[in-house]
Protein backbone atom coordinates (compact mmCIF):
# COMPACT_ATOMS: atom_id res chain seq x y z
CA MET A 1 -19.48 17.87 -2.50
CA SER A 2 -18.00 19.20 0.73
CA TYR A 3 -16.03 22.39 0.56
CA THR A 4 -13.35 20.59 2.54
CA LEU A 5 -11.49 18.24 0.21
CA TYR A 6 -8.28 16.18 0.63
CA THR A 7 -6.71 15.43 -2.76
CA PRO A 8 -4.54 12.33 -3.20
CA ARG A 9 -1.16 13.04 -1.64
CA VAL A 10 1.12 10.72 -3.65
CA SER A 11 -0.14 8.43 -6.41
CA ARG A 12 1.91 5.29 -7.10
CA LEU A 13 1.11 2.07 -8.90
CA HIS A 14 0.56 -0.16 -5.90
CA ARG A 15 -1.27 -3.34 -6.93
CA SER A 16 1.25 -5.76 -5.42
CA GLU A 17 3.74 -5.29 -2.63
CA LEU A 18 6.33 -7.98 -2.16
CA ALA A 19 7.66 -8.45 1.39
CA VAL A 20 11.35 -9.39 1.50
CA PRO A 21 13.36 -10.09 4.66
CA GLY A 22 16.43 -7.80 4.82
CA SER A 23 18.48 -10.71 6.11
CA ASN A 24 18.37 -12.53 2.76
CA MET A 25 20.35 -10.87 -0.05
CA GLY A 26 19.31 -13.56 -2.54
CA PHE A 27 15.64 -12.81 -1.98
CA ILE A 28 16.32 -9.08 -2.31
CA ASP A 29 18.00 -9.51 -5.73
CA ARG A 30 15.19 -11.65 -7.03
CA ALA A 31 12.61 -9.16 -5.75
CA ALA A 32 14.19 -6.39 -7.79
CA ASP A 33 13.55 -8.44 -10.96
CA SER A 34 10.05 -9.50 -9.97
CA ALA A 35 6.75 -8.21 -11.33
CA ALA A 36 5.81 -6.54 -8.07
CA ASP A 37 4.89 -2.89 -8.25
CA VAL A 38 6.36 -2.23 -4.76
CA VAL A 39 8.99 -4.07 -2.76
CA PHE A 40 9.42 -3.59 0.95
CA LEU A 41 12.67 -4.56 2.49
CA ASP A 42 11.85 -5.78 5.96
CA LEU A 43 13.89 -5.01 9.07
CA GLU A 44 11.07 -5.95 11.49
CA ASP A 45 9.12 -9.18 11.93
CA ALA A 46 10.95 -11.22 9.18
CA VAL A 47 14.32 -10.62 10.83
CA ALA A 48 15.37 -12.32 14.07
CA PRO A 49 16.97 -10.08 16.75
CA PRO A 50 20.56 -11.43 16.27
CA GLU A 51 20.29 -10.57 12.52
CA LYS A 52 19.01 -7.04 12.86
CA ASP A 53 22.31 -5.27 12.41
CA GLN A 54 23.34 -7.31 9.36
CA ALA A 55 19.92 -7.02 7.82
CA ARG A 56 20.14 -3.24 8.10
CA LYS A 57 23.53 -3.33 6.31
CA ASN A 58 22.10 -5.58 3.63
CA VAL A 59 19.23 -3.24 2.97
CA ILE A 60 21.46 -0.20 2.74
CA ALA A 61 23.72 -2.08 0.24
CA ALA A 62 20.68 -3.15 -1.78
CA LEU A 63 19.26 0.34 -1.90
CA ASN A 64 22.62 1.70 -3.21
CA ASP A 65 23.58 -1.16 -5.52
CA ILE A 66 20.28 -1.86 -7.27
CA ASP A 67 18.70 0.71 -9.53
CA TRP A 68 15.16 0.24 -8.33
CA ALA A 69 13.76 3.09 -10.41
CA ALA A 70 15.16 1.64 -13.60
CA LYS A 71 13.41 -1.62 -12.72
CA GLY A 72 10.12 0.28 -12.33
CA LYS A 73 9.88 -0.38 -8.61
CA THR A 74 8.80 1.63 -5.66
CA VAL A 75 11.08 0.50 -2.81
CA SER A 76 10.12 0.76 0.84
CA VAL A 77 11.87 -0.16 4.07
CA ARG A 78 9.86 -1.48 6.99
CA ILE A 79 11.63 -0.24 10.10
CA ASN A 80 11.33 -1.78 13.56
CA GLY A 81 8.66 -0.56 15.98
CA LEU A 82 8.99 2.70 17.89
CA ASP A 83 9.06 0.73 21.16
CA THR A 84 12.23 -1.21 20.21
CA GLU A 85 15.92 -0.38 20.54
CA TYR A 86 16.33 -0.91 16.75
CA CYS A 87 14.00 1.81 15.38
CA TYR A 88 16.20 4.89 15.66
CA ARG A 89 19.18 3.15 14.10
CA ASP A 90 17.00 1.90 11.27
CA VAL A 91 15.89 5.43 10.40
CA VAL A 92 19.27 7.07 10.88
CA ASP A 93 21.41 4.52 9.12
CA VAL A 94 19.09 3.85 6.19
CA LEU A 95 18.40 7.55 5.50
CA GLU A 96 21.93 8.81 6.10
CA GLN A 97 23.46 6.16 3.86
CA ALA A 98 20.70 5.64 1.27
CA GLY A 99 18.08 8.30 1.89
CA ASP A 100 17.98 9.46 -1.66
CA ARG A 101 17.36 5.88 -2.89
CA VAL A 102 14.42 4.80 -0.78
CA HIS A 103 10.93 5.97 -1.63
CA THR A 104 9.12 5.28 1.65
CA LEU A 105 9.56 4.11 5.22
CA LEU A 106 6.89 1.71 6.43
CA VAL A 107 6.22 2.26 10.14
CA PRO A 108 4.77 -0.76 11.97
CA LYS A 109 2.13 -0.88 14.69
CA VAL A 110 1.20 2.76 14.55
CA GLY A 111 -1.21 3.44 17.38
CA VAL A 112 -1.67 7.22 17.41
CA ALA A 113 -0.93 9.99 14.93
CA ALA A 114 1.93 11.30 17.10
CA ASP A 115 3.84 8.02 16.53
CA LEU A 116 4.75 9.32 13.06
CA TYR A 117 6.25 12.52 14.37
CA LEU A 118 9.55 10.89 15.46
CA VAL A 119 10.17 9.29 12.12
CA GLU A 120 9.26 12.44 10.19
CA ALA A 121 11.36 14.67 12.39
CA LEU A 122 14.39 12.44 11.97
CA ALA A 123 13.87 12.20 8.24
CA SER A 124 13.67 15.97 7.84
CA GLN A 125 16.87 16.55 9.81
CA ILE A 126 18.84 13.88 7.94
CA GLU A 127 17.67 15.10 4.50
CA LYS A 128 18.68 18.62 5.39
CA ALA A 129 22.07 17.59 6.78
CA ARG A 130 22.80 15.37 3.77
CA GLY A 131 21.54 17.90 1.26
CA PHE A 132 19.16 15.45 -0.39
CA SER A 133 16.88 16.84 -3.05
CA THR A 134 14.43 13.95 -2.53
CA GLN A 135 12.02 13.50 0.34
CA VAL A 136 11.21 10.07 1.71
CA GLY A 137 7.50 9.28 2.19
CA ILE A 138 5.93 7.54 5.17
CA GLU A 139 3.46 4.69 5.23
CA ALA A 140 1.77 3.37 8.35
CA LEU A 141 0.71 -0.14 9.34
CA ILE A 142 -2.60 -0.27 11.08
CA GLU A 143 -2.25 -3.58 12.94
CA THR A 144 -3.38 -3.04 16.53
CA ALA A 145 -6.64 -2.29 18.24
CA LEU A 146 -5.26 1.12 19.23
CA GLY A 147 -4.27 1.94 15.71
CA MET A 148 -7.69 1.06 14.38
CA ALA A 149 -9.41 3.06 17.13
CA ASN A 150 -7.36 6.06 16.00
CA VAL A 151 -7.25 5.35 12.27
CA GLU A 152 -9.08 8.54 11.24
CA SER A 153 -6.72 10.68 13.31
CA ILE A 154 -3.70 8.91 11.86
CA ALA A 155 -4.97 9.23 8.31
CA SER A 156 -5.64 12.96 8.73
CA ARG A 157 -2.18 13.74 10.09
CA GLY A 158 -0.79 15.02 6.76
CA GLY A 159 2.93 15.56 6.38
CA ARG A 160 4.75 12.76 4.54
CA LEU A 161 2.10 10.12 5.08
CA GLU A 162 1.13 8.40 1.78
CA ALA A 163 -0.65 5.18 2.64
CA LEU A 164 -2.07 2.93 5.29
CA HIS A 165 -1.69 -0.85 5.25
CA PHE A 166 -3.91 -3.38 7.12
CA GLY A 167 -1.69 -5.70 9.09
CA VAL A 168 -4.14 -8.47 9.72
CA ALA A 169 -1.89 -10.85 11.70
CA ASP A 170 -0.93 -8.48 14.49
CA TYR A 171 -4.45 -6.98 14.34
CA ALA A 172 -5.87 -10.44 15.08
CA ALA A 173 -3.41 -10.89 17.96
CA SER A 174 -4.16 -7.42 19.36
CA ASN A 175 -7.89 -8.14 19.35
CA ARG A 176 -7.40 -11.73 20.61
CA ALA A 177 -9.35 -12.82 17.53
CA ARG A 178 -9.49 -16.50 16.69
CA THR A 179 -8.12 -17.04 13.21
CA VAL A 180 -7.34 -20.06 11.16
CA SER A 181 -4.43 -18.52 9.12
CA ILE A 182 -3.07 -15.05 8.43
CA GLY A 183 -5.74 -13.21 6.52
CA GLY A 184 -7.87 -16.30 6.16
CA LEU A 185 -11.53 -16.66 7.12
CA ASN A 186 -12.65 -18.36 10.33
CA PRO A 187 -15.51 -20.83 9.49
CA ASP A 188 -17.09 -20.07 12.87
CA TYR A 189 -17.78 -16.52 11.70
CA PRO A 190 -20.66 -15.99 9.32
CA GLY A 191 -18.79 -14.01 6.67
CA ASP A 192 -15.53 -12.09 6.60
CA GLN A 193 -14.39 -11.12 10.09
CA TRP A 194 -11.91 -8.60 8.68
CA HIS A 195 -14.56 -6.69 6.72
CA GLY A 196 -15.33 -4.06 9.33
CA ALA A 197 -11.72 -3.21 10.13
CA LEU A 198 -10.58 -3.08 6.52
CA THR A 199 -13.59 -0.96 5.50
CA ARG A 200 -12.86 1.50 8.28
CA MET A 201 -9.18 1.84 7.25
CA ILE A 202 -10.07 2.25 3.56
CA VAL A 203 -12.67 4.94 4.30
CA ALA A 204 -10.09 6.84 6.36
CA CYS A 205 -7.59 6.57 3.51
CA ARG A 206 -10.03 7.80 0.87
CA ALA A 207 -11.30 10.63 3.07
CA PHE A 208 -7.82 12.00 3.51
CA GLY A 209 -6.13 11.22 0.20
CA LEU A 210 -4.07 8.17 1.08
CA ARG A 211 -3.48 4.85 -0.71
CA ALA A 212 -5.25 1.88 0.99
CA ILE A 213 -3.34 -1.39 0.89
CA ASP A 214 -4.51 -4.76 2.17
CA GLY A 215 -1.98 -6.85 4.03
CA PRO A 216 -0.80 -10.45 3.98
CA PHE A 217 -2.46 -13.78 3.25
CA GLY A 218 -0.29 -16.34 4.96
CA ASP A 219 -1.09 -19.57 3.14
CA TYR A 220 0.88 -19.12 -0.11
CA SER A 221 -0.09 -22.70 -1.11
CA ASP A 222 -3.70 -21.50 -1.44
CA PRO A 223 -3.92 -19.21 -4.49
CA ASP A 224 -7.71 -19.37 -4.57
CA GLY A 225 -7.87 -18.17 -0.96
CA TYR A 226 -5.48 -15.29 -1.74
CA ARG A 227 -7.37 -14.31 -4.87
CA ALA A 228 -10.71 -14.34 -2.90
CA GLY A 229 -9.26 -12.14 -0.20
CA ALA A 230 -7.83 -9.74 -2.76
CA ARG A 231 -11.15 -9.50 -4.55
CA ARG A 232 -12.92 -8.69 -1.28
CA ALA A 233 -10.40 -5.93 -0.56
CA ALA A 234 -10.67 -4.57 -4.06
CA ALA A 235 -14.42 -4.54 -3.81
CA LEU A 236 -14.12 -2.35 -0.67
CA GLY A 237 -11.72 0.10 -2.37
CA ALA A 238 -8.24 -1.16 -1.62
CA GLU A 239 -5.85 -0.66 -4.50
CA GLY A 240 -3.32 -3.36 -3.69
CA LYS A 241 -2.29 -6.21 -1.44
CA TRP A 242 0.90 -7.66 0.05
CA ALA A 243 2.60 -10.69 -1.39
CA ILE A 244 4.55 -12.66 1.15
CA HIS A 245 5.68 -15.09 -1.53
CA PRO A 246 6.57 -14.39 -5.20
CA SER A 247 3.75 -16.67 -6.35
CA GLN A 248 1.23 -14.15 -4.93
CA ILE A 249 2.53 -11.22 -7.05
CA GLU A 250 0.76 -12.33 -10.23
CA LEU A 251 -2.45 -12.88 -8.30
CA ALA A 252 -2.44 -9.38 -6.85
CA ASN A 253 -1.60 -7.75 -10.20
CA GLU A 254 -4.46 -9.66 -11.79
CA VAL A 255 -7.04 -8.70 -9.20
CA PHE A 256 -6.13 -5.04 -8.89
CA SER A 257 -5.75 -4.42 -12.63
CA PRO A 258 -9.01 -3.36 -14.24
CA PRO A 259 -10.09 -5.86 -16.95
CA ALA A 260 -9.92 -4.65 -20.58
CA GLU A 261 -13.71 -4.65 -20.82
CA GLU A 262 -13.94 -2.42 -17.76
CA VAL A 263 -11.48 0.01 -19.23
CA ASP A 264 -13.29 0.02 -22.58
CA LYS A 265 -16.61 0.71 -20.83
CA ALA A 266 -15.04 3.46 -18.75
CA ARG A 267 -13.78 5.17 -21.87
CA ARG A 268 -17.21 4.85 -23.51
CA ILE A 269 -18.82 6.40 -20.42
CA ILE A 270 -16.53 9.41 -20.66
CA ALA A 271 -17.22 9.80 -24.41
CA ALA A 272 -21.03 9.44 -23.91
CA LEU A 273 -21.02 12.09 -21.14
CA ARG A 274 -18.95 14.49 -23.31
CA GLU A 275 -21.49 14.03 -26.10
CA ALA A 276 -24.40 14.58 -23.71
CA GLU A 277 -22.74 17.66 -22.29
CA ALA A 278 -22.40 19.13 -25.77
CA GLU A 279 -26.15 18.65 -26.14
CA GLY A 280 -26.83 20.38 -22.85
CA LYS A 281 -27.70 17.14 -20.94
CA GLY A 282 -26.36 16.08 -17.53
CA ALA A 283 -26.82 12.36 -18.02
CA ALA A 284 -26.52 9.80 -20.79
CA SER A 285 -26.88 6.09 -21.39
CA VAL A 286 -24.32 3.33 -21.97
CA ASP A 287 -25.29 -0.28 -22.51
CA GLY A 288 -28.88 0.49 -21.57
CA LYS A 289 -27.96 1.99 -18.20
CA MET A 290 -28.16 5.60 -17.06
CA ILE A 291 -24.83 7.29 -16.34
CA ASP A 292 -24.12 10.68 -14.79
CA ALA A 293 -21.37 12.66 -13.02
CA ALA A 294 -20.87 9.89 -10.44
CA SER A 295 -20.39 7.40 -13.25
CA GLU A 296 -17.75 9.67 -14.72
CA ARG A 297 -15.76 9.79 -11.48
CA MET A 298 -15.79 6.00 -11.24
CA ALA A 299 -14.73 5.74 -14.87
CA GLU A 300 -11.86 8.19 -14.35
CA THR A 301 -10.53 6.02 -11.52
CA ILE A 302 -10.47 2.95 -13.73
CA ILE A 303 -8.83 4.84 -16.60
CA ALA A 304 -6.18 6.35 -14.30
CA THR A 305 -5.23 2.87 -12.99
CA ASP A 306 -4.98 1.49 -16.54
CA ASP A 307 -2.87 4.50 -17.63
CA ALA A 308 -0.51 3.94 -14.65
CA ILE A 309 -0.11 0.26 -15.54
CA ARG A 310 0.63 1.08 -19.15
CA ALA A 311 3.04 3.89 -18.16
CA ALA A 312 4.99 1.32 -16.09
CA GLY A 313 5.16 -1.02 -19.04
CA ARG A 314 3.02 -3.68 -17.40
CA GLY A 315 -0.15 -3.45 -19.42
């Protein structure tokens, strides 16, 4: 193991993340009572320009009026892009008026690590001025060619950064990629055309202690397609996926929750290795297969996820 290690910065149960337009208070109320682990209140793409100001007011009201923590939710706000005239007001108004109620700010279209400096600097000043005892986290959307080209630099930035999300729709547009639907597979490509990009982002996350979250699947009438995409992301190491429709929440929770038999095997692996250790051995056998220290690390990951699900009352 390298002497240089980056431990996980902030651990949160993050199997499903429901996207909710800030312009629709009815959707926000229902999101709070949903089974999603995380809800992000959107001020960016899901809100038309004439509705930006009202959406911001709606989000602030929802943050203050709904007890998200009591509902077991991590609540995030996706601000507008740094290149827009809405961004600074999103950060200032949301944090000044509800900064102790929001867990993270989701920053779209991050292209370079320095993009996060503005948001973090404003957050620090507002928290100090308001005397907040809490500190808002930052999450970054990797959804442009520039962002993916710099993903390792972004992931290693440190500070408040907790997670990276793969924004497949804007990523496809940025690369001029031909796609059938958001997050779907193009039959002209022999395999999964998002595999390389998602793998690169996940590796960057794991190297620097961040959560890795897969983005949207646009066709909410295709649960099988969603489930297949989620399984591919989980196989690569993502720990959760967006839901752009409430029907996708259950699918994400299903895919990113370790099955009972996996949890049972993981616990048996730990027990077998403890027994072998007591006998002075470095390896053991479970179900006819050799296990060692690497098996233990994989088992601990499964057990930690299961423990988090149970702690949240969703087991």
